[in-house]
N, C-alpha and C. Protein backbone atom coordinates (compact mmCIF):
# COMPACT_ATOMS: atom_id res chain seq x y z
N MET A 1 -25.26 58.91 7.97
CA MET A 1 -26.52 58.42 7.42
C MET A 1 -27.41 57.85 8.53
N VAL A 2 -26.84 57.00 9.38
CA VAL A 2 -27.60 56.40 10.47
C VAL A 2 -28.00 57.46 11.48
N LYS A 3 -27.07 58.39 11.76
CA LYS A 3 -27.37 59.46 12.71
C LYS A 3 -28.49 60.35 12.18
N ALA A 4 -28.51 60.61 10.90
CA ALA A 4 -29.56 61.42 10.32
C ALA A 4 -30.91 60.72 10.44
N ALA A 5 -30.93 59.41 10.25
CA ALA A 5 -32.17 58.65 10.40
C ALA A 5 -32.66 58.68 11.84
N ARG A 6 -31.74 58.58 12.79
CA ARG A 6 -32.12 58.65 14.20
C ARG A 6 -32.64 60.03 14.56
N ALA A 7 -32.00 61.06 14.05
CA ALA A 7 -32.46 62.42 14.30
C ALA A 7 -33.84 62.64 13.68
N ALA A 8 -34.06 62.10 12.50
CA ALA A 8 -35.36 62.23 11.85
C ALA A 8 -36.43 61.50 12.65
N GLN A 9 -36.11 60.35 13.20
CA GLN A 9 -37.05 59.61 14.02
C GLN A 9 -37.39 60.39 15.29
N ALA A 10 -36.38 61.01 15.90
CA ALA A 10 -36.62 61.83 17.09
C ALA A 10 -37.50 63.02 16.75
N TRP A 11 -37.27 63.62 15.59
CA TRP A 11 -38.09 64.76 15.17
C TRP A 11 -39.54 64.34 14.94
N ARG A 12 -39.75 63.18 14.31
CA ARG A 12 -41.11 62.67 14.11
C ARG A 12 -41.80 62.42 15.45
N ALA A 13 -41.07 61.87 16.41
CA ALA A 13 -41.64 61.62 17.74
C ALA A 13 -42.04 62.94 18.39
N TYR A 14 -41.20 63.96 18.26
CA TYR A 14 -41.53 65.27 18.81
C TYR A 14 -42.79 65.83 18.15
N ARG A 15 -42.87 65.74 16.83
CA ARG A 15 -44.06 66.23 16.12
C ARG A 15 -45.30 65.49 16.57
N ASP A 16 -45.18 64.17 16.78
CA ASP A 16 -46.33 63.40 17.25
C ASP A 16 -46.78 63.85 18.62
N VAL A 17 -45.83 64.10 19.52
CA VAL A 17 -46.15 64.53 20.87
C VAL A 17 -46.79 65.92 20.85
N ALA A 18 -46.30 66.80 19.98
CA ALA A 18 -46.78 68.17 19.93
C ALA A 18 -48.05 68.32 19.10
N GLY A 19 -48.48 67.26 18.42
CA GLY A 19 -49.63 67.35 17.53
C GLY A 19 -50.95 67.53 18.26
N GLN A 20 -51.89 68.17 17.60
CA GLN A 20 -53.21 68.41 18.14
C GLN A 20 -53.95 67.09 18.36
N GLY A 21 -54.50 66.88 19.55
CA GLY A 21 -55.25 65.67 19.85
C GLY A 21 -54.39 64.47 20.18
N SER A 22 -53.10 64.62 20.09
CA SER A 22 -52.17 63.53 20.38
C SER A 22 -51.89 63.49 21.88
N PRO A 23 -51.67 62.30 22.43
CA PRO A 23 -51.33 62.23 23.86
C PRO A 23 -50.06 63.03 24.14
N GLY A 24 -50.06 63.76 25.23
CA GLY A 24 -48.91 64.56 25.60
C GLY A 24 -47.77 63.69 26.12
N ILE A 25 -46.64 64.32 26.33
CA ILE A 25 -45.46 63.57 26.77
C ILE A 25 -45.67 62.96 28.16
N GLY A 26 -46.39 63.66 29.03
CA GLY A 26 -46.66 63.13 30.36
C GLY A 26 -47.51 61.87 30.29
N ALA A 27 -48.55 61.90 29.48
CA ALA A 27 -49.41 60.72 29.32
C ALA A 27 -48.63 59.56 28.72
N ARG A 28 -47.75 59.87 27.78
CA ARG A 28 -46.94 58.82 27.16
C ARG A 28 -45.97 58.19 28.15
N LEU A 29 -45.32 59.03 28.96
CA LEU A 29 -44.37 58.49 29.94
C LEU A 29 -45.08 57.69 31.03
N ARG A 30 -46.26 58.14 31.46
CA ARG A 30 -47.02 57.38 32.45
C ARG A 30 -47.52 56.06 31.88
N ALA A 31 -47.69 55.99 30.57
CA ALA A 31 -48.20 54.78 29.93
C ALA A 31 -47.13 53.71 29.73
N VAL A 32 -45.86 54.07 29.85
CA VAL A 32 -44.78 53.11 29.57
C VAL A 32 -44.88 51.85 30.43
N PRO A 33 -45.06 51.94 31.77
CA PRO A 33 -45.19 50.70 32.54
C PRO A 33 -46.39 49.85 32.12
N ARG A 34 -47.52 50.50 31.80
CA ARG A 34 -48.69 49.75 31.33
C ARG A 34 -48.40 49.11 29.98
N LEU A 35 -47.69 49.83 29.11
CA LEU A 35 -47.31 49.29 27.81
C LEU A 35 -46.46 48.04 27.97
N VAL A 36 -45.46 48.11 28.82
CA VAL A 36 -44.58 46.95 29.03
C VAL A 36 -45.39 45.77 29.55
N GLY A 37 -46.27 46.02 30.53
CA GLY A 37 -47.10 44.95 31.07
C GLY A 37 -48.02 44.35 30.02
N ALA A 38 -48.63 45.21 29.20
CA ALA A 38 -49.55 44.72 28.18
C ALA A 38 -48.82 43.92 27.10
N VAL A 39 -47.60 44.32 26.76
CA VAL A 39 -46.83 43.56 25.77
C VAL A 39 -46.45 42.20 26.36
N LEU A 40 -46.00 42.19 27.60
CA LEU A 40 -45.61 40.94 28.23
C LEU A 40 -46.80 40.00 28.43
N ASN A 41 -47.98 40.56 28.73
CA ASN A 41 -49.19 39.74 28.88
C ASN A 41 -49.78 39.31 27.55
N GLY A 42 -49.38 39.98 26.48
CA GLY A 42 -49.92 39.67 25.16
C GLY A 42 -51.25 40.33 24.87
N THR A 43 -51.64 41.32 25.68
CA THR A 43 -52.93 41.99 25.45
C THR A 43 -52.84 43.14 24.47
N TYR A 44 -51.65 43.69 24.25
CA TYR A 44 -51.48 44.79 23.30
C TYR A 44 -50.93 44.23 22.00
N PRO A 45 -51.73 44.28 20.92
CA PRO A 45 -51.29 43.68 19.66
C PRO A 45 -50.34 44.55 18.84
N GLY A 46 -50.13 45.80 19.25
CA GLY A 46 -49.36 46.73 18.43
C GLY A 46 -47.85 46.58 18.53
N MET A 47 -47.37 45.78 19.46
CA MET A 47 -45.93 45.67 19.64
C MET A 47 -45.59 44.25 20.12
N GLY A 48 -44.56 43.69 19.54
CA GLY A 48 -44.15 42.35 19.93
C GLY A 48 -43.10 42.36 21.03
N ARG A 49 -42.89 41.20 21.59
CA ARG A 49 -41.89 41.07 22.64
C ARG A 49 -40.48 41.30 22.12
N GLY A 50 -40.25 41.01 20.87
CA GLY A 50 -38.93 41.23 20.27
C GLY A 50 -38.55 42.70 20.27
N ARG A 51 -39.50 43.53 19.90
CA ARG A 51 -39.22 44.98 19.90
C ARG A 51 -39.02 45.49 21.32
N LEU A 52 -39.82 44.97 22.26
CA LEU A 52 -39.65 45.35 23.66
C LEU A 52 -38.27 44.93 24.15
N ALA A 53 -37.82 43.75 23.74
CA ALA A 53 -36.48 43.28 24.12
C ALA A 53 -35.40 44.20 23.54
N MET A 54 -35.59 44.64 22.29
CA MET A 54 -34.62 45.56 21.70
C MET A 54 -34.54 46.87 22.48
N MET A 55 -35.69 47.36 22.92
CA MET A 55 -35.69 48.59 23.72
C MET A 55 -34.99 48.36 25.06
N GLY A 56 -35.22 47.20 25.66
CA GLY A 56 -34.53 46.86 26.90
C GLY A 56 -33.03 46.79 26.71
N LEU A 57 -32.61 46.22 25.58
CA LEU A 57 -31.17 46.17 25.28
C LEU A 57 -30.61 47.57 25.08
N GLY A 58 -31.41 48.46 24.49
CA GLY A 58 -30.99 49.85 24.33
C GLY A 58 -30.76 50.52 25.67
N VAL A 59 -31.66 50.28 26.62
CA VAL A 59 -31.48 50.85 27.96
C VAL A 59 -30.23 50.29 28.60
N LEU A 60 -30.03 48.98 28.49
CA LEU A 60 -28.83 48.36 29.06
C LEU A 60 -27.56 48.90 28.42
N TYR A 61 -27.58 49.14 27.11
CA TYR A 61 -26.41 49.67 26.42
C TYR A 61 -26.06 51.06 26.93
N ILE A 62 -27.08 51.89 27.13
CA ILE A 62 -26.84 53.24 27.62
C ILE A 62 -26.29 53.21 29.04
N LEU A 63 -26.83 52.34 29.88
CA LEU A 63 -26.42 52.28 31.28
C LEU A 63 -25.12 51.51 31.50
N SER A 64 -24.77 50.65 30.56
CA SER A 64 -23.61 49.78 30.73
C SER A 64 -22.30 50.56 30.62
N PRO A 65 -21.32 50.22 31.46
CA PRO A 65 -20.01 50.85 31.34
C PRO A 65 -19.22 50.29 30.14
N VAL A 66 -19.67 49.15 29.60
CA VAL A 66 -19.00 48.55 28.44
C VAL A 66 -19.67 49.09 27.18
N ASP A 67 -18.87 49.61 26.26
CA ASP A 67 -19.38 50.21 25.03
C ASP A 67 -18.73 49.57 23.82
N VAL A 68 -19.45 49.62 22.70
CA VAL A 68 -18.86 49.21 21.43
C VAL A 68 -17.77 50.21 21.05
N ILE A 69 -18.07 51.48 21.24
CA ILE A 69 -17.09 52.55 20.99
C ILE A 69 -16.80 53.19 22.35
N PRO A 70 -15.61 53.02 22.90
CA PRO A 70 -15.31 53.52 24.25
C PRO A 70 -15.42 55.03 24.36
N GLU A 71 -15.75 55.46 25.57
CA GLU A 71 -15.93 56.88 25.85
C GLU A 71 -14.64 57.68 25.75
N PHE A 72 -13.49 57.03 25.89
CA PHE A 72 -12.24 57.80 25.84
C PHE A 72 -11.96 58.35 24.45
N LEU A 73 -12.73 57.93 23.46
CA LEU A 73 -12.62 58.51 22.12
C LEU A 73 -13.45 59.80 22.01
N LEU A 74 -13.83 60.32 23.14
CA LEU A 74 -14.57 61.57 23.31
C LEU A 74 -15.82 61.65 22.45
N LEU A 75 -15.84 62.46 21.43
CA LEU A 75 -17.07 62.71 20.69
C LEU A 75 -17.65 61.46 20.05
N VAL A 76 -16.81 60.60 19.52
CA VAL A 76 -17.32 59.39 18.87
C VAL A 76 -17.92 58.45 19.91
N GLY A 77 -17.27 58.34 21.07
CA GLY A 77 -17.77 57.47 22.13
C GLY A 77 -19.08 57.93 22.71
N VAL A 78 -19.26 59.22 22.81
CA VAL A 78 -20.51 59.77 23.32
C VAL A 78 -21.59 59.73 22.24
N ALA A 79 -21.21 59.88 21.00
CA ALA A 79 -22.17 59.92 19.90
C ALA A 79 -22.92 58.61 19.75
N ASP A 80 -22.24 57.47 19.97
CA ASP A 80 -22.96 56.21 19.83
C ASP A 80 -24.01 56.05 20.93
N ASP A 81 -23.68 56.46 22.15
CA ASP A 81 -24.67 56.42 23.23
C ASP A 81 -25.83 57.36 22.93
N PHE A 82 -25.52 58.54 22.42
CA PHE A 82 -26.56 59.50 22.10
C PHE A 82 -27.45 58.99 20.96
N GLY A 83 -26.86 58.32 19.99
CA GLY A 83 -27.64 57.74 18.91
C GLY A 83 -28.61 56.68 19.41
N VAL A 84 -28.13 55.83 20.30
CA VAL A 84 -29.01 54.81 20.89
C VAL A 84 -30.09 55.49 21.71
N PHE A 85 -29.73 56.54 22.46
CA PHE A 85 -30.71 57.27 23.25
C PHE A 85 -31.79 57.89 22.35
N LEU A 86 -31.40 58.51 21.24
CA LEU A 86 -32.38 59.09 20.32
C LEU A 86 -33.31 58.03 19.76
N TRP A 87 -32.74 56.89 19.35
CA TRP A 87 -33.57 55.80 18.84
C TRP A 87 -34.54 55.32 19.91
N LEU A 88 -34.04 55.13 21.12
CA LEU A 88 -34.86 54.62 22.21
C LEU A 88 -35.99 55.58 22.54
N MET A 89 -35.68 56.85 22.69
CA MET A 89 -36.72 57.83 23.03
C MET A 89 -37.73 57.98 21.90
N GLY A 90 -37.26 58.00 20.66
CA GLY A 90 -38.19 58.09 19.53
C GLY A 90 -39.11 56.89 19.47
N SER A 91 -38.54 55.72 19.64
CA SER A 91 -39.34 54.49 19.61
C SER A 91 -40.30 54.43 20.79
N LEU A 92 -39.80 54.75 21.96
CA LEU A 92 -40.62 54.67 23.17
C LEU A 92 -41.75 55.68 23.17
N LEU A 93 -41.46 56.92 22.79
CA LEU A 93 -42.51 57.93 22.73
C LEU A 93 -43.54 57.62 21.65
N GLY A 94 -43.06 57.16 20.51
CA GLY A 94 -43.99 56.80 19.44
C GLY A 94 -44.88 55.64 19.82
N GLU A 95 -44.30 54.59 20.36
CA GLU A 95 -45.07 53.40 20.71
C GLU A 95 -46.00 53.66 21.89
N SER A 96 -45.54 54.43 22.87
CA SER A 96 -46.41 54.72 24.01
C SER A 96 -47.59 55.60 23.59
N GLY A 97 -47.38 56.47 22.62
CA GLY A 97 -48.49 57.27 22.09
C GLY A 97 -49.51 56.39 21.39
N ARG A 98 -49.03 55.44 20.59
CA ARG A 98 -49.96 54.50 19.94
C ARG A 98 -50.68 53.66 20.98
N TYR A 99 -49.98 53.31 22.05
CA TYR A 99 -50.60 52.51 23.11
C TYR A 99 -51.70 53.31 23.82
N VAL A 100 -51.45 54.58 24.12
CA VAL A 100 -52.46 55.41 24.76
C VAL A 100 -53.68 55.54 23.85
N ASP A 101 -53.47 55.74 22.56
CA ASP A 101 -54.59 55.80 21.62
C ASP A 101 -55.35 54.48 21.60
N TRP A 102 -54.63 53.36 21.61
CA TRP A 102 -55.25 52.04 21.63
C TRP A 102 -56.07 51.86 22.90
N GLU A 103 -55.52 52.29 24.05
CA GLU A 103 -56.26 52.22 25.32
C GLU A 103 -57.55 53.03 25.24
N ARG A 104 -57.47 54.21 24.68
CA ARG A 104 -58.66 55.08 24.58
C ARG A 104 -59.75 54.43 23.74
N THR A 105 -59.37 53.86 22.60
CA THR A 105 -60.38 53.22 21.75
C THR A 105 -60.91 51.95 22.41
N ARG A 106 -60.08 51.27 23.13
CA ARG A 106 -60.50 50.04 23.83
C ARG A 106 -61.48 50.39 24.95
N ILE A 107 -61.24 51.48 25.65
CA ILE A 107 -62.15 51.90 26.73
C ILE A 107 -63.48 52.34 26.15
N ARG A 108 -63.46 53.05 25.02
CA ARG A 108 -64.70 53.48 24.37
C ARG A 108 -65.50 52.30 23.85
N ALA A 109 -64.81 51.23 23.45
CA ALA A 109 -65.48 50.09 22.87
C ALA A 109 -66.17 49.22 23.92
N VAL A 110 -65.73 49.31 25.17
CA VAL A 110 -66.32 48.51 26.24
C VAL A 110 -67.54 49.24 26.78
N PRO A 111 -68.73 48.60 26.70
CA PRO A 111 -69.94 49.29 27.20
C PRO A 111 -69.90 49.42 28.73
N SER A 112 -70.48 50.50 29.22
CA SER A 112 -70.50 50.76 30.66
C SER A 112 -71.67 50.08 31.32
């Protein structure tokens, strides 16, 4: 059930990236450092520090040699890392796309 929800979230993120007029994956990935900075500075209202912290914990979980389900259990041990990876990528791509859209509207709103 949880894996299906994560897969669905990853599919939605892919559809968002592939959608017409939507920021591409390159623009989204380049926006990640700006997104993190804007969240930490409090200038981006679309995401809180708590969600950013959860994403950071997801990265640490993937990189950490300590797992909730050890890798020696083969498929089950790898599946939990992959599930966290799918959640992280879906969340990160979705949020960075919203951030790029927010940046675009913010730039248009500022008179030259």
